């Protein structure tokens, strides 16, 4: 195996590893974002669990949250949603990369 092949394999391995970490961090972030949204909406019990699970399956979580908060007349700004999402993203990524 040449040096080039070895480097190529290392880059491919790192790419797969990084993509896996990002996937795990996003899943963790989305789960926590669902819990945050459920608290804002005042949902409890099975309704809360169903909502949080359905939210994680949305292709555009921010749009879904904006729509739901507006529909429930809950004053949450786009900036607040994105700030919470960024906060949870950083927290989840740090946890995943540190092995928690």
PDB file of N, CA and C in Angstrom:
ATOM      1  N   UNK A   1       0.848  -1.168   0.000  1.00  0.00           N
ATOM      2  CA  UNK A   1       0.000   0.000   0.000  1.00  0.00           C
ATOM      3  C   UNK A   1       0.903   1.244   0.000  1.00  0.00           C
ATOM      4  N   UNK A   2       0.580   2.181  -0.867  1.00  0.00           N
ATOM      5  CA  UNK A   2       1.393   3.389  -0.965  1.00  0.00           C
ATOM      6  C   UNK A   2       1.023   4.389   0.116  1.00  0.00           C
ATOM      7  N   UNK A   3       1.858   5.380   0.255  1.00  0.00           N
ATOM      8  CA  UNK A   3       1.585   6.437   1.216  1.00  0.00           C
ATOM      9  C   UNK A   3       0.285   7.145   0.876  1.00  0.00           C
ATOM     10  N   UNK A   4       0.060   7.350  -0.414  1.00  0.00           N
ATOM     11  CA  UNK A   4      -1.179   8.000  -0.839  1.00  0.00           C
ATOM     12  C   UNK A   4      -2.397   7.167  -0.440  1.00  0.00           C
ATOM     13  N   UNK A   5      -2.320   5.864  -0.659  1.00  0.00           N
ATOM     14  CA  UNK A   5      -3.433   4.988  -0.287  1.00  0.00           C
ATOM     15  C   UNK A   5      -3.688   5.008   1.214  1.00  0.00           C
ATOM     16  N   UNK A   6      -2.621   5.031   1.976  1.00  0.00           N
ATOM     17  CA  UNK A   6      -2.746   5.076   3.432  1.00  0.00           C
ATOM     18  C   UNK A   6      -3.412   6.373   3.871  1.00  0.00           C
ATOM     19  N   UNK A   7      -2.983   7.488   3.295  1.00  0.00           N
ATOM     20  CA  UNK A   7      -3.581   8.788   3.639  1.00  0.00           C
ATOM     21  C   UNK A   7      -5.041   8.843   3.210  1.00  0.00           C
ATOM     22  N   UNK A   8      -5.332   8.310   2.021  1.00  0.00           N
ATOM     23  CA  UNK A   8      -6.713   8.308   1.535  1.00  0.00           C
ATOM     24  C   UNK A   8      -7.603   7.510   2.483  1.00  0.00           C
ATOM     25  N   UNK A   9      -7.145   6.358   2.897  1.00  0.00           N
ATOM     26  CA  UNK A   9      -7.903   5.520   3.820  1.00  0.00           C
ATOM     27  C   UNK A   9      -8.108   6.236   5.165  1.00  0.00           C
ATOM     28  N   UNK A  10      -7.087   6.933   5.629  1.00  0.00           N
ATOM     29  CA  UNK A  10      -7.200   7.672   6.886  1.00  0.00           C
ATOM     30  C   UNK A  10      -8.233   8.789   6.771  1.00  0.00           C
ATOM     31  N   UNK A  11      -8.228   9.511   5.649  1.00  0.00           N
ATOM     32  CA  UNK A  11      -9.217  10.576   5.456  1.00  0.00           C
ATOM     33  C   UNK A  11     -10.629  10.010   5.368  1.00  0.00           C
ATOM     34  N   UNK A  12     -10.792   8.894   4.684  1.00  0.00           N
ATOM     35  CA  UNK A  12     -12.110   8.259   4.587  1.00  0.00           C
ATOM     36  C   UNK A  12     -12.599   7.812   5.963  1.00  0.00           C
ATOM     37  N   UNK A  13     -11.719   7.228   6.733  1.00  0.00           N
ATOM     38  CA  UNK A  13     -12.069   6.775   8.079  1.00  0.00           C
ATOM     39  C   UNK A  13     -12.457   7.955   8.959  1.00  0.00           C
ATOM     40  N   UNK A  14     -11.693   9.040   8.880  1.00  0.00           N
ATOM     41  CA  UNK A  14     -12.011  10.234   9.669  1.00  0.00           C
ATOM     42  C   UNK A  14     -13.338  10.836   9.229  1.00  0.00           C
ATOM     43  N   UNK A  15     -13.609  10.852   7.934  1.00  0.00           N
ATOM     44  CA  UNK A  15     -14.868  11.392   7.429  1.00  0.00           C
ATOM     45  C   UNK A  15     -16.050  10.599   7.990  1.00  0.00           C
ATOM     46  N   UNK A  16     -15.967   9.289   7.953  1.00  0.00           N
ATOM     47  CA  UNK A  16     -17.031   8.431   8.477  1.00  0.00           C
ATOM     48  C   UNK A  16     -17.198   8.654   9.981  1.00  0.00           C
ATOM     49  N   UNK A  17     -16.094   8.733  10.681  1.00  0.00           N
ATOM     50  CA  UNK A  17     -16.139   8.957  12.130  1.00  0.00           C
ATOM     51  C   UNK A  17     -16.797  10.305  12.446  1.00  0.00           C
ATOM     52  N   UNK A  18     -16.385  11.357  11.754  1.00  0.00           N
ATOM     53  CA  UNK A  18     -16.950  12.688  11.988  1.00  0.00           C
ATOM     54  C   UNK A  18     -18.437  12.738  11.640  1.00  0.00           C
ATOM     55  N   UNK A  19     -18.815  12.086  10.551  1.00  0.00           N
ATOM     56  CA  UNK A  19     -20.228  12.053  10.154  1.00  0.00           C
ATOM     57  C   UNK A  19     -21.065  11.320  11.204  1.00  0.00           C
ATOM     58  N   UNK A  20     -20.524  10.258  11.751  1.00  0.00           N
ATOM     59  CA  UNK A  20     -21.225   9.505  12.796  1.00  0.00           C
ATOM     60  C   UNK A  20     -21.393  10.354  14.051  1.00  0.00           C
ATOM     61  N   UNK A  21     -20.343  11.061  14.454  1.00  0.00           N
ATOM     62  CA  UNK A  21     -20.440  11.935  15.628  1.00  0.00           C
ATOM     63  C   UNK A  21     -21.477  13.028  15.406  1.00  0.00           C
ATOM     64  N   UNK A  22     -21.497  13.614  14.224  1.00  0.00           N
ATOM     65  CA  UNK A  22     -22.451  14.676  13.915  1.00  0.00           C
ATOM     66  C   UNK A  22     -23.877  14.132  13.967  1.00  0.00           C
ATOM     67  N   UNK A  23     -24.092  12.943  13.422  1.00  0.00           N
ATOM     68  CA  UNK A  23     -25.414  12.319  13.454  1.00  0.00           C
ATOM     69  C   UNK A  23     -25.875  12.095  14.892  1.00  0.00           C
ATOM     70  N   UNK A  24     -24.996  11.541  15.716  1.00  0.00           N
ATOM     71  CA  UNK A  24     -25.342  11.274  17.109  1.00  0.00           C
ATOM     72  C   UNK A  24     -25.617  12.568  17.873  1.00  0.00           C
ATOM     73  N   UNK A  25     -24.811  13.595  17.617  1.00  0.00           N
ATOM     74  CA  UNK A  25     -25.011  14.876  18.289  1.00  0.00           C
ATOM     75  C   UNK A  25     -26.323  15.516  17.854  1.00  0.00           C
ATOM     76  N   UNK A  26     -26.646  15.444  16.563  1.00  0.00           N
ATOM     77  CA  UNK A  26     -27.910  16.006  16.077  1.00  0.00           C
ATOM     78  C   UNK A  26     -29.103  15.287  16.687  1.00  0.00           C
ATOM     79  N   UNK A  27     -29.018  13.971  16.788  1.00  0.00           N
ATOM     80  CA  UNK A  27     -30.117  13.209  17.388  1.00  0.00           C
ATOM     81  C   UNK A  27     -30.309  13.600  18.847  1.00  0.00           C
ATOM     82  N   UNK A  28     -29.206  13.749  19.564  1.00  0.00           N
ATOM     83  CA  UNK A  28     -29.273  14.137  20.976  1.00  0.00           C
ATOM     84  C   UNK A  28     -29.832  15.554  21.113  1.00  0.00           C
ATOM     85  N   UNK A  29     -29.375  16.459  20.236  1.00  0.00           N
ATOM     86  CA  UNK A  29     -29.868  17.838  20.256  1.00  0.00           C
ATOM     87  C   UNK A  29     -31.362  17.885  19.986  1.00  0.00           C
ATOM     88  N   UNK A  30     -31.805  17.152  18.970  1.00  0.00           N
ATOM     89  CA  UNK A  30     -33.221  17.162  18.606  1.00  0.00           C
ATOM     90  C   UNK A  30     -34.099  16.608  19.712  1.00  0.00           C
ATOM     91  N   UNK A  31     -33.605  15.595  20.405  1.00  0.00           N
ATOM     92  CA  UNK A  31     -34.360  15.028  21.527  1.00  0.00           C
ATOM     93  C   UNK A  31     -34.532  16.072  22.636  1.00  0.00           C
ATOM     94  N   UNK A  32     -33.470  16.780  22.932  1.00  0.00           N
ATOM     95  CA  UNK A  32     -33.539  17.810  23.978  1.00  0.00           C
ATOM     96  C   UNK A  32     -34.347  19.018  23.532  1.00  0.00           C
ATOM     97  N   UNK A  33     -34.274  19.343  22.263  1.00  0.00           N
ATOM     98  CA  UNK A  33     -35.074  20.448  21.745  1.00  0.00           C
ATOM     99  C   UNK A  33     -36.553  20.103  21.852  1.00  0.00           C
ATOM    100  N   UNK A  34     -36.888  18.848  21.607  1.00  0.00           N
ATOM    101  CA  UNK A  34     -38.266  18.390  21.772  1.00  0.00           C
ATOM    102  C   UNK A  34     -38.726  18.530  23.209  1.00  0.00           C
ATOM    103  N   UNK A  35     -37.861  18.179  24.148  1.00  0.00           N
ATOM    104  CA  UNK A  35     -38.207  18.318  25.567  1.00  0.00           C
ATOM    105  C   UNK A  35     -38.406  19.782  25.938  1.00  0.00           C
ATOM    106  N   UNK A  36     -37.570  20.657  25.403  1.00  0.00           N
ATOM    107  CA  UNK A  36     -37.711  22.099  25.650  1.00  0.00           C
ATOM    108  C   UNK A  36     -39.039  22.614  25.093  1.00  0.00           C
ATOM    109  N   UNK A  37     -39.364  22.189  23.866  1.00  0.00           N
ATOM    110  CA  UNK A  37     -40.606  22.631  23.228  1.00  0.00           C
ATOM    111  C   UNK A  37     -41.829  22.134  23.985  1.00  0.00           C
ATOM    112  N   UNK A  38     -41.778  20.900  24.445  1.00  0.00           N
ATOM    113  CA  UNK A  38     -42.886  20.325  25.207  1.00  0.00           C
ATOM    114  C   UNK A  38     -43.130  21.147  26.468  1.00  0.00           C
ATOM    115  N   UNK A  39     -42.058  21.569  27.113  1.00  0.00           N
ATOM    116  CA  UNK A  39     -42.188  22.407  28.297  1.00  0.00           C
ATOM    117  C   UNK A  39     -42.825  23.751  27.979  1.00  0.00           C
ATOM    118  N   UNK A  40     -42.423  24.343  26.857  1.00  0.00           N
ATOM    119  CA  UNK A  40     -43.005  25.624  26.448  1.00  0.00           C
ATOM    120  C   UNK A  40     -44.480  25.480  26.109  1.00  0.00           C
ATOM    121  N   UNK A  41     -44.841  24.347  25.485  1.00  0.00           N
ATOM    122  CA  UNK A  41     -46.228  24.120  25.077  1.00  0.00           C
ATOM    123  C   UNK A  41     -47.097  23.647  26.237  1.00  0.00           C
ATOM    124  N   UNK A  42     -46.478  23.233  27.323  1.00  0.00           N
ATOM    125  CA  UNK A  42     -47.236  22.778  28.479  1.00  0.00           C
ATOM    126  C   UNK A  42     -47.820  21.390  28.319  1.00  0.00           C
ATOM    127  N   UNK A  43     -47.234  20.590  27.446  1.00  0.00           N
ATOM    128  CA  UNK A  43     -47.716  19.227  27.238  1.00  0.00           C
ATOM    129  C   UNK A  43     -47.139  18.300  28.298  1.00  0.00           C
ATOM    130  N   UNK A  44     -47.902  17.273  28.653  1.00  0.00           N
ATOM    131  CA  UNK A  44     -47.444  16.281  29.624  1.00  0.00           C
ATOM    132  C   UNK A  44     -47.876  14.895  29.176  1.00  0.00           C
ATOM    133  N   UNK A  45     -47.294  13.906  29.807  1.00  0.00           N
ATOM    134  CA  UNK A  45     -47.687  12.520  29.574  1.00  0.00           C
ATOM    135  C   UNK A  45     -47.463  12.048  28.155  1.00  0.00           C
ATOM    136  N   UNK A  46     -48.367  11.189  27.665  1.00  0.00           N
ATOM    137  CA  UNK A  46     -48.219  10.630  26.325  1.00  0.00           C
ATOM    138  C   UNK A  46     -48.230  11.697  25.224  1.00  0.00           C
ATOM    139  N   UNK A  47     -48.987  12.756  25.420  1.00  0.00           N
ATOM    140  CA  UNK A  47     -49.028  13.829  24.415  1.00  0.00           C
ATOM    141  C   UNK A  47     -47.656  14.472  24.272  1.00  0.00           C
ATOM    142  N   UNK A  48     -46.969  14.658  25.377  1.00  0.00           N
ATOM    143  CA  UNK A  48     -45.629  15.248  25.348  1.00  0.00           C
ATOM    144  C   UNK A  48     -44.648  14.319  24.644  1.00  0.00           C
ATOM    145  N   UNK A  49     -44.702  13.043  24.971  1.00  0.00           N
ATOM    146  CA  UNK A  49     -43.805  12.071  24.342  1.00  0.00           C
ATOM    147  C   UNK A  49     -44.064  11.974  22.849  1.00  0.00           C
ATOM    148  N   UNK A  50     -45.338  11.954  22.459  1.00  0.00           N
ATOM    149  CA  UNK A  50     -45.689  11.872  21.039  1.00  0.00           C
ATOM    150  C   UNK A  50     -45.235  13.112  20.283  1.00  0.00           C
ATOM    151  N   UNK A  51     -45.420  14.277  20.889  1.00  0.00           N
ATOM    152  CA  UNK A  51     -45.012  15.511  20.226  1.00  0.00           C
ATOM    153  C   UNK A  51     -43.492  15.555  20.041  1.00  0.00           C
ATOM    154  N   UNK A  52     -42.758  15.230  21.096  1.00  0.00           N
ATOM    155  CA  UNK A  52     -41.294  15.264  21.031  1.00  0.00           C
ATOM    156  C   UNK A  52     -40.771  14.294  19.980  1.00  0.00           C
ATOM    157  N   UNK A  53     -41.376  13.124  19.904  1.00  0.00           N
ATOM    158  CA  UNK A  53     -40.947  12.135  18.914  1.00  0.00           C
ATOM    159  C   UNK A  53     -41.269  12.623  17.501  1.00  0.00           C
ATOM    160  N   UNK A  54     -42.463  13.163  17.299  1.00  0.00           N
ATOM    161  CA  UNK A  54     -42.854  13.669  15.984  1.00  0.00           C
ATOM    162  C   UNK A  54     -41.972  14.839  15.556  1.00  0.00           C
ATOM    163  N   UNK A  55     -41.571  15.659  16.499  1.00  0.00           N
ATOM    164  CA  UNK A  55     -40.718  16.806  16.191  1.00  0.00           C
ATOM    165  C   UNK A  55     -39.370  16.354  15.655  1.00  0.00           C
ATOM    166  N   UNK A  56     -38.821  15.307  16.249  1.00  0.00           N
ATOM    167  CA  UNK A  56     -37.510  14.795  15.807  1.00  0.00           C
ATOM    168  C   UNK A  56     -37.546  14.283  14.380  1.00  0.00           C
ATOM    169  N   UNK A  57     -38.714  13.911  13.903  1.00  0.00           N
ATOM    170  CA  UNK A  57     -38.838  13.369  12.547  1.00  0.00           C
ATOM    171  C   UNK A  57     -39.050  14.442  11.492  1.00  0.00           C
ATOM    172  N   UNK A  58     -39.183  15.685  11.914  1.00  0.00           N
ATOM    173  CA  UNK A  58     -39.431  16.791  10.986  1.00  0.00           C
ATOM    174  C   UNK A  58     -38.162  17.145  10.218  1.00  0.00           C
ATOM    175  N   UNK A  59     -38.288  17.402   8.913  1.00  0.00           N
ATOM    176  CA  UNK A  59     -37.107  17.815   8.144  1.00  0.00           C
ATOM    177  C   UNK A  59     -36.644  19.231   8.502  1.00  0.00           C
ATOM    178  N   UNK A  60     -37.575  20.094   8.914  1.00  0.00           N
ATOM    179  CA  UNK A  60     -37.238  21.465   9.309  1.00  0.00           C
ATOM    180  C   UNK A  60     -37.841  21.734  10.680  1.00  0.00           C
ATOM    181  N   UNK A  61     -37.082  21.413  11.698  1.00  0.00           N
ATOM    182  CA  UNK A  61     -37.580  21.519  13.071  1.00  0.00           C
ATOM    183  C   UNK A  61     -37.901  22.959  13.438  1.00  0.00           C
ATOM    184  N   UNK A  62     -37.079  23.889  12.984  1.00  0.00           N
ATOM    185  CA  UNK A  62     -37.301  25.300  13.337  1.00  0.00           C
ATOM    186  C   UNK A  62     -38.640  25.779  12.791  1.00  0.00           C
ATOM    187  N   UNK A  63     -38.938  25.456  11.545  1.00  0.00           N
ATOM    188  CA  UNK A  63     -40.219  25.869  10.951  1.00  0.00           C
ATOM    189  C   UNK A  63     -41.388  25.242  11.703  1.00  0.00           C
ATOM    190  N   UNK A  64     -41.257  23.982  12.066  1.00  0.00           N
ATOM    191  CA  UNK A  64     -42.313  23.295  12.807  1.00  0.00           C
ATOM    192  C   UNK A  64     -42.536  23.961  14.168  1.00  0.00           C
ATOM    193  N   UNK A  65     -41.446  24.282  14.860  1.00  0.00           N
ATOM    194  CA  UNK A  65     -41.579  24.937  16.159  1.00  0.00           C
ATOM    195  C   UNK A  65     -42.214  26.315  16.020  1.00  0.00           C
ATOM    196  N   UNK A  66     -41.773  27.080  15.030  1.00  0.00           N
ATOM    197  CA  UNK A  66     -42.354  28.405  14.807  1.00  0.00           C
ATOM    198  C   UNK A  66     -43.856  28.298  14.573  1.00  0.00           C
ATOM    199  N   UNK A  67     -44.254  27.346  13.749  1.00  0.00           N
ATOM    200  CA  UNK A  67     -45.666  27.151  13.437  1.00  0.00           C
ATOM    201  C   UNK A  67     -46.451  26.759  14.691  1.00  0.00           C
ATOM    202  N   UNK A  68     -45.929  25.794  15.430  1.00  0.00           N
ATOM    203  CA  UNK A  68     -46.644  25.312  16.617  1.00  0.00           C
ATOM    204  C   UNK A  68     -46.726  26.366  17.712  1.00  0.00           C
ATOM    205  N   UNK A  69     -45.645  27.080  17.942  1.00  0.00           N
ATOM    206  CA  UNK A  69     -45.685  28.135  18.960  1.00  0.00           C
ATOM    207  C   UNK A  69     -46.676  29.222  18.563  1.00  0.00           C
ATOM    208  N   UNK A  70     -46.713  29.588  17.296  1.00  0.00           N
ATOM    209  CA  UNK A  70     -47.673  30.592  16.825  1.00  0.00           C
ATOM    210  C   UNK A  70     -49.098  30.072  16.963  1.00  0.00           C
ATOM    211  N   UNK A  71     -49.317  28.800  16.621  1.00  0.00           N
ATOM    212  CA  UNK A  71     -50.655  28.208  16.702  1.00  0.00           C
ATOM    213  C   UNK A  71     -51.155  28.165  18.154  1.00  0.00           C
ATOM    214  N   UNK A  72     -50.254  28.003  19.099  1.00  0.00           N
ATOM    215  CA  UNK A  72     -50.616  27.941  20.509  1.00  0.00           C
ATOM    216  C   UNK A  72     -50.509  29.317  21.172  1.00  0.00           C
ATOM    217  N   UNK A  73     -50.225  30.332  20.383  1.00  0.00           N
ATOM    218  CA  UNK A  73     -50.075  31.714  20.869  1.00  0.00           C
ATOM    219  C   UNK A  73     -49.020  31.836  21.970  1.00  0.00           C
ATOM    220  N   UNK A  74     -47.916  31.161  21.756  1.00  0.00           N
ATOM    221  CA  UNK A  74     -46.799  31.220  22.698  1.00  0.00           C
ATOM    222  C   UNK A  74     -45.730  32.120  22.085  1.00  0.00           C
ATOM    223  N   UNK A  75     -45.406  33.215  22.760  1.00  0.00           N
ATOM    224  CA  UNK A  75     -44.456  34.176  22.200  1.00  0.00           C
ATOM    225  C   UNK A  75     -43.000  33.694  22.285  1.00  0.00           C
ATOM    226  N   UNK A  76     -42.559  33.027  21.234  1.00  0.00           N
ATOM    227  CA  UNK A  76     -41.173  32.572  21.147  1.00  0.00           C
ATOM    228  C   UNK A  76     -40.631  33.078  19.810  1.00  0.00           C
ATOM    229  N   UNK A  77     -39.548  33.823  19.864  1.00  0.00           N
ATOM    230  CA  UNK A  77     -38.977  34.394  18.647  1.00  0.00           C
ATOM    231  C   UNK A  77     -38.113  33.377  17.907  1.00  0.00           C
ATOM    232  N   UNK A  78     -37.879  33.664  16.634  1.00  0.00           N
ATOM    233  CA  UNK A  78     -36.971  32.831  15.845  1.00  0.00           C
ATOM    234  C   UNK A  78     -35.593  32.793  16.501  1.00  0.00           C
ATOM    235  N   UNK A  79     -35.182  33.944  16.994  1.00  0.00           N
ATOM    236  CA  UNK A  79     -33.873  34.039  17.624  1.00  0.00           C
ATOM    237  C   UNK A  79     -33.786  33.141  18.860  1.00  0.00           C
ATOM    238  N   UNK A  80     -34.854  33.088  19.639  1.00  0.00           N
ATOM    239  CA  UNK A  80     -34.860  32.238  20.835  1.00  0.00           C
ATOM    240  C   UNK A  80     -34.781  30.759  20.450  1.00  0.00           C
ATOM    241  N   UNK A  81     -35.518  30.377  19.411  1.00  0.00           N
ATOM    242  CA  UNK A  81     -35.492  28.981  18.953  1.00  0.00           C
ATOM    243  C   UNK A  81     -34.091  28.617  18.474  1.00  0.00           C
ATOM    244  N   UNK A  82     -33.517  29.468  17.639  1.00  0.00           N
ATOM    245  CA  UNK A  82     -32.183  29.184  17.094  1.00  0.00           C
ATOM    246  C   UNK A  82     -31.105  29.216  18.187  1.00  0.00           C
ATOM    247  N   UNK A  83     -31.230  30.129  19.126  1.00  0.00           N
ATOM    248  CA  UNK A  83     -30.269  30.187  20.232  1.00  0.00           C
ATOM    249  C   UNK A  83     -30.322  28.912  21.068  1.00  0.00           C
ATOM    250  N   UNK A  84     -31.534  28.459  21.360  1.00  0.00           N
ATOM    251  CA  UNK A  84     -31.697  27.222  22.130  1.00  0.00           C
ATOM    252  C   UNK A  84     -31.132  26.044  21.350  1.00  0.00           C
ATOM    253  N   UNK A  85     -31.395  26.022  20.058  1.00  0.00           N
ATOM    254  CA  UNK A  85     -30.900  24.944  19.209  1.00  0.00           C
ATOM    255  C   UNK A  85     -29.362  24.955  19.175  1.00  0.00           C
ATOM    256  N   UNK A  86     -28.759  26.129  19.057  1.00  0.00           N
ATOM    257  CA  UNK A  86     -27.293  26.238  19.051  1.00  0.00           C
ATOM    258  C   UNK A  86     -26.705  25.799  20.391  1.00  0.00           C
ATOM    259  N   UNK A  87     -27.348  26.210  21.475  1.00  0.00           N
ATOM    260  CA  UNK A  87     -26.893  25.831  22.808  1.00  0.00           C
ATOM    261  C   UNK A  87     -26.928  24.313  22.975  1.00  0.00           C
ATOM    262  N   UNK A  88     -28.033  23.707  22.584  1.00  0.00           N
ATOM    263  CA  UNK A  88     -28.178  22.256  22.714  1.00  0.00           C
ATOM    264  C   UNK A  88     -27.257  21.507  21.762  1.00  0.00           C
ATOM    265  N   UNK A  89     -27.008  22.090  20.588  1.00  0.00           N
ATOM    266  CA  UNK A  89     -26.103  21.482  19.612  1.00  0.00           C
ATOM    267  C   UNK A  89     -24.686  21.410  20.175  1.00  0.00           C
ATOM    268  N   UNK A  90     -24.215  22.522  20.741  1.00  0.00           N
ATOM    269  CA  UNK A  90     -22.879  22.547  21.317  1.00  0.00           C
ATOM    270  C   UNK A  90     -22.773  21.569  22.477  1.00  0.00           C
ATOM    271  N   UNK A  91     -23.792  21.556  23.328  1.00  0.00           N
ATOM    272  CA  UNK A  91     -23.797  20.658  24.480  1.00  0.00           C
ATOM    273  C   UNK A  91     -23.769  19.194  24.025  1.00  0.00           C
ATOM    274  N   UNK A  92     -24.606  18.864  23.058  1.00  0.00           N
ATOM    275  CA  UNK A  92     -24.679  17.476  22.577  1.00  0.00           C
ATOM    276  C   UNK A  92     -23.371  17.062  21.904  1.00  0.00           C
ATOM    277  N   UNK A  93     -22.789  17.958  21.103  1.00  0.00           N
ATOM    278  CA  UNK A  93     -21.543  17.621  20.411  1.00  0.00           C
ATOM    279  C   UNK A  93     -20.417  17.397  21.423  1.00  0.00           C
ATOM    280  N   UNK A  94     -20.344  18.238  22.455  1.00  0.00           N
ATOM    281  CA  UNK A  94     -19.321  18.058  23.481  1.00  0.00           C
ATOM    282  C   UNK A  94     -19.502  16.732  24.205  1.00  0.00           C
ATOM    283  N   UNK A  95     -20.728  16.367  24.494  1.00  0.00           N
ATOM    284  CA  UNK A  95     -20.993  15.100  25.165  1.00  0.00           C
ATOM    285  C   UNK A  95     -20.630  13.907  24.291  1.00  0.00           C
ATOM    286  N   UNK A  96     -20.996  13.967  23.023  1.00  0.00           N
ATOM    287  CA  UNK A  96     -20.722  12.848  22.117  1.00  0.00           C
ATOM    288  C   UNK A  96     -19.225  12.684  21.902  1.00  0.00           C
ATOM    289  N   UNK A  97     -18.516  13.795  21.715  1.00  0.00           N
ATOM    290  CA  UNK A  97     -17.085  13.694  21.467  1.00  0.00           C
ATOM    291  C   UNK A  97     -16.303  13.299  22.715  1.00  0.00           C
ATOM    292  N   UNK A  98     -16.878  13.567  23.904  1.00  0.00           N
ATOM    293  CA  UNK A  98     -16.181  13.170  25.129  1.00  0.00           C
ATOM    294  C   UNK A  98     -16.607  11.781  25.609  1.00  0.00           C
ATOM    295  N   UNK A  99     -17.533  11.167  24.882  1.00  0.00           N
ATOM    296  CA  UNK A  99     -17.936   9.812  25.196  1.00  0.00           C
ATOM    297  C   UNK A  99     -19.042   9.680  26.222  1.00  0.00           C
ATOM    298  N   UNK A 100     -19.743  10.755  26.494  1.00  0.00           N
ATOM    299  CA  UNK A 100     -20.838  10.685  27.479  1.00  0.00           C
ATOM    300  C   UNK A 100     -22.101  10.139  26.859  1.00  0.00           C
TER     301      UNK A 100
END
